[in-house]
């Protein structure tokens, strides 16, 4: 399970969407990596686990096994439209 602020997730998706139509999310015990590889270029943003007094600044990773999955950004943006109302989002990827 990955826990991070909804605004950080939305910002990451927006920055990577300029280069490709598909985003890969790769998890490990230390970090979550968002990457793209498209016609216009490659890019990745790695977010490491971090603690903070503020909930919206925390990044928590509870990963049993590494996961590597790809998602179409057009569907991620539909998801992002609804998370504007939430401070933190949780990913549970099987």
Foldseek 3Di string as FASTA:
>chain_A
DKKAFLVVVVVQLVVQVVAAFKWKWKDDQFWIKIWDQHPRGIDIDIDGADDDPDRNHGIHDDDPDIDIDMDGSVVVVVVSVVCVVPGMDDDDDD
